[in-house]
Protein backbone atom coordinates (compact mmCIF):
# COMPACT_ATOMS: atom_id res chain seq x y z
CA UNK A 1 169.39 183.60 27.53
CA UNK A 2 170.44 184.91 24.09
CA UNK A 3 171.54 188.17 25.69
CA UNK A 4 173.70 186.28 28.21
CA UNK A 5 175.31 184.26 25.41
CA UNK A 6 176.05 187.46 23.44
CA UNK A 7 177.55 189.09 26.53
CA UNK A 8 179.69 186.01 27.20
CA UNK A 9 180.89 185.99 23.59
CA UNK A 10 181.70 189.70 23.78
CA UNK A 11 183.55 189.22 27.07
CA UNK A 12 185.58 186.35 25.58
CA UNK A 13 186.44 188.43 22.52
CA UNK A 14 187.48 191.40 24.68
CA UNK A 15 189.64 189.12 26.85
CA UNK A 16 191.38 187.66 23.81
CA UNK A 17 192.07 191.11 22.39
CA UNK A 18 193.49 192.28 25.71
CA UNK A 19 195.74 189.23 25.97
CA UNK A 20 197.38 189.71 22.56
CA UNK A 21 198.45 193.13 21.36
CA UNK A 22 196.65 194.32 18.26
CA UNK A 23 198.48 194.82 15.01
CA UNK A 24 197.63 197.77 12.80
CA UNK A 25 199.46 196.25 9.84
CA UNK A 26 197.96 196.71 6.40
CA UNK A 27 197.18 193.45 4.60
CA UNK A 28 198.93 193.13 1.22
CA UNK A 29 197.03 190.13 -0.14
CA UNK A 30 200.01 187.77 0.11
CA UNK A 31 199.21 184.07 0.56
CA UNK A 32 199.70 182.93 4.19
CA UNK A 33 199.98 186.53 5.53
CA UNK A 34 198.96 187.32 9.09
CA UNK A 35 199.09 190.76 10.77
CA UNK A 36 201.29 190.48 13.84
CA UNK A 37 203.01 192.57 16.47
CA UNK A 38 206.43 191.06 17.19
CA UNK A 39 208.18 191.82 20.46
CA UNK A 40 211.77 190.75 20.85
CA UNK A 41 215.45 191.55 20.47
CA UNK A 42 216.73 192.74 17.10
CA UNK A 43 219.72 190.66 15.95
CA UNK A 44 222.07 190.12 13.03
CA UNK A 45 220.56 187.02 11.39
CA UNK A 46 223.89 185.46 10.37
CA UNK A 47 225.31 186.01 13.85
CA UNK A 48 222.26 184.47 15.51
CA UNK A 49 221.97 181.48 13.17
CA UNK A 50 225.63 180.66 12.43
CA UNK A 51 227.70 182.51 15.05
CA UNK A 52 229.39 184.65 12.36
CA UNK A 53 229.19 187.93 14.21
CA UNK A 54 230.41 191.42 13.37
CA UNK A 55 229.97 194.65 15.34
CA UNK A 56 226.71 196.63 15.18
CA UNK A 57 224.70 193.96 13.34
CA UNK A 58 226.90 194.49 10.30
CA UNK A 59 226.31 198.26 10.19
CA UNK A 60 223.43 197.92 7.74
CA UNK A 61 225.09 195.38 5.42
CA UNK A 62 223.50 192.21 6.86
CA UNK A 63 220.06 190.67 7.15
CA UNK A 64 218.28 191.26 10.47
CA UNK A 65 215.82 189.28 12.54
CA UNK A 66 213.93 189.31 15.82
CA UNK A 67 214.40 186.79 18.62
CA UNK A 68 211.19 186.44 20.62
CA UNK A 69 211.05 185.78 24.37
CA UNK A 70 210.45 182.05 23.74
CA UNK A 71 213.58 181.84 21.55
CA UNK A 72 211.72 181.81 18.22
CA UNK A 73 213.66 183.58 15.47
CA UNK A 74 211.80 185.62 12.86
CA UNK A 75 213.72 186.72 9.75
CA UNK A 76 212.88 190.26 8.63
CA UNK A 77 212.56 190.16 4.86
CA UNK A 78 211.50 193.69 3.95
CA UNK A 79 210.11 197.03 4.99
CA UNK A 80 207.19 199.10 3.77
CA UNK A 81 208.86 200.27 0.51
CA UNK A 82 208.49 198.13 -2.64
CA UNK A 83 211.46 195.77 -3.09
CA UNK A 84 213.40 197.28 -0.18
CA UNK A 85 214.65 196.05 3.16
CA UNK A 86 213.77 197.57 6.53
CA UNK A 87 217.42 197.73 7.61
CA UNK A 88 217.66 201.55 7.60
CA UNK A 89 214.69 201.68 9.97
CA UNK A 90 215.97 198.92 12.25
CA UNK A 91 219.77 199.16 12.44
CA UNK A 92 219.63 201.69 15.30
CA UNK A 93 217.89 199.03 17.41
CA UNK A 94 220.68 196.44 17.01
CA UNK A 95 220.73 194.24 20.12
CA UNK A 96 217.78 196.09 21.67
CA UNK A 97 214.22 195.08 22.46
CA UNK A 98 211.73 196.28 19.84
CA UNK A 99 208.10 196.07 18.86
CA UNK A 100 207.64 195.55 15.13
CA UNK A 101 204.21 195.78 13.53
CA UNK A 102 203.80 194.03 10.22
CA UNK A 103 202.93 190.85 8.37
CA UNK A 104 204.11 187.37 9.20
CA UNK A 105 204.22 185.29 6.02
CA UNK A 106 204.07 181.62 7.02
CA UNK A 107 204.66 180.09 3.63
CA UNK A 108 205.38 176.35 3.74
CA UNK A 109 208.81 177.03 2.17
CA UNK A 110 209.94 179.83 4.50
CA UNK A 111 208.56 182.05 7.25
CA UNK A 112 209.46 185.73 7.05
CA UNK A 113 208.31 189.00 8.57
CA UNK A 114 207.56 192.21 6.66
CA UNK A 115 207.98 195.23 8.96
CA UNK A 116 205.53 198.08 8.47
CA UNK A 117 206.32 199.99 11.67
CA UNK A 118 208.82 199.84 14.55
CA UNK A 119 209.40 201.32 18.00
CA UNK A 120 211.35 200.52 21.17
CA UNK A 121 209.68 197.80 23.23
CA UNK A 122 207.39 199.26 25.88
CA UNK A 123 207.17 202.63 24.15
CA UNK A 124 203.82 204.38 24.03
CA UNK A 125 204.94 206.44 21.03
CA UNK A 126 203.32 205.62 17.67
CA UNK A 127 205.08 203.15 15.41
CA UNK A 128 207.56 204.76 13.02
CA UNK A 129 206.75 203.60 9.47
CA UNK A 130 209.48 201.41 7.95
CA UNK A 131 210.01 203.71 4.97
CA UNK A 132 213.46 205.26 5.57
CA UNK A 133 215.04 203.32 2.70
CA UNK A 134 213.27 205.39 0.04
CA UNK A 135 214.20 208.75 1.62
CA UNK A 136 217.85 207.69 1.91
CA UNK A 137 217.89 206.33 -1.66
CA UNK A 138 216.35 209.55 -3.03
CA UNK A 139 218.90 211.67 -1.11
CA UNK A 140 221.69 209.74 -2.92
CA UNK A 141 220.09 209.32 -6.34
CA UNK A 142 217.21 211.80 -6.77
CA UNK A 143 213.53 211.03 -7.13
CA UNK A 144 212.33 208.19 -9.33
CA UNK A 145 208.86 206.75 -9.69
CA UNK A 146 210.27 203.21 -9.62
CA UNK A 147 213.52 203.41 -7.64
CA UNK A 148 214.42 199.78 -8.41
CA UNK A 149 214.55 200.47 -12.16
CA UNK A 150 216.58 203.67 -11.73
CA UNK A 151 219.07 202.34 -9.17
CA UNK A 152 222.62 202.94 -10.48
CA UNK A 153 224.12 200.04 -8.53
CA UNK A 154 221.49 197.56 -9.73
CA UNK A 155 221.83 198.80 -13.31
CA UNK A 156 225.63 198.45 -13.14
CA UNK A 157 225.35 194.87 -11.85
CA UNK A 158 222.80 193.96 -14.55
CA UNK A 159 225.05 195.50 -17.22
CA UNK A 160 228.03 193.48 -15.96
CA UNK A 161 226.32 190.16 -15.20
CA UNK A 162 223.10 190.18 -17.22
CA UNK A 163 219.49 190.23 -15.98
CA UNK A 164 219.76 186.72 -14.50
CA UNK A 165 223.03 187.39 -12.65
CA UNK A 166 225.16 185.10 -14.85
CA UNK A 167 227.14 186.63 -17.71
CA UNK A 168 225.83 185.43 -21.06
CA UNK A 169 222.67 183.84 -19.65
CA UNK A 170 219.61 185.63 -21.02
CA UNK A 171 215.93 185.07 -20.38
CA UNK A 172 213.94 183.16 -22.98
CA UNK A 173 211.94 185.48 -25.25
CA UNK A 174 208.31 185.96 -24.29
CA UNK A 175 205.88 184.13 -26.64
């Protein structure tokens, strides 16, 4: 009897795994994170949500998202590089069906998706890691251990507008 119950449990588990594709996403320890494989059409988020459309998903200048088969929209917040978007890895898929492996963060305030890998939907090729941002940044600016601290554009904006983005407004001193 116990053997039959174990076999039934194993069969159920195998059936569930076969019904939903497995995600290979690495957990990052973020509250409300869930590894997930998204399948859907890559879209310009502003175009999808507000109808403010431009050619080619904004050519890398706009936020992207995935529209699932059931119409659910998932905003893509970042890629696999610290403090960087996945746009360089995704822009070539504008308007196309993709599979994106990563983490769904279902925070009560906002739900976003962090892409760790991407490929064309239905492809049997391995996922391409969402890390192109760093290679492109280093080609423009050289290597830096912490790219976000060395970024010339960010440093120029901070110099012009202050660290809080408003000229003259400064953070309170640390106690």
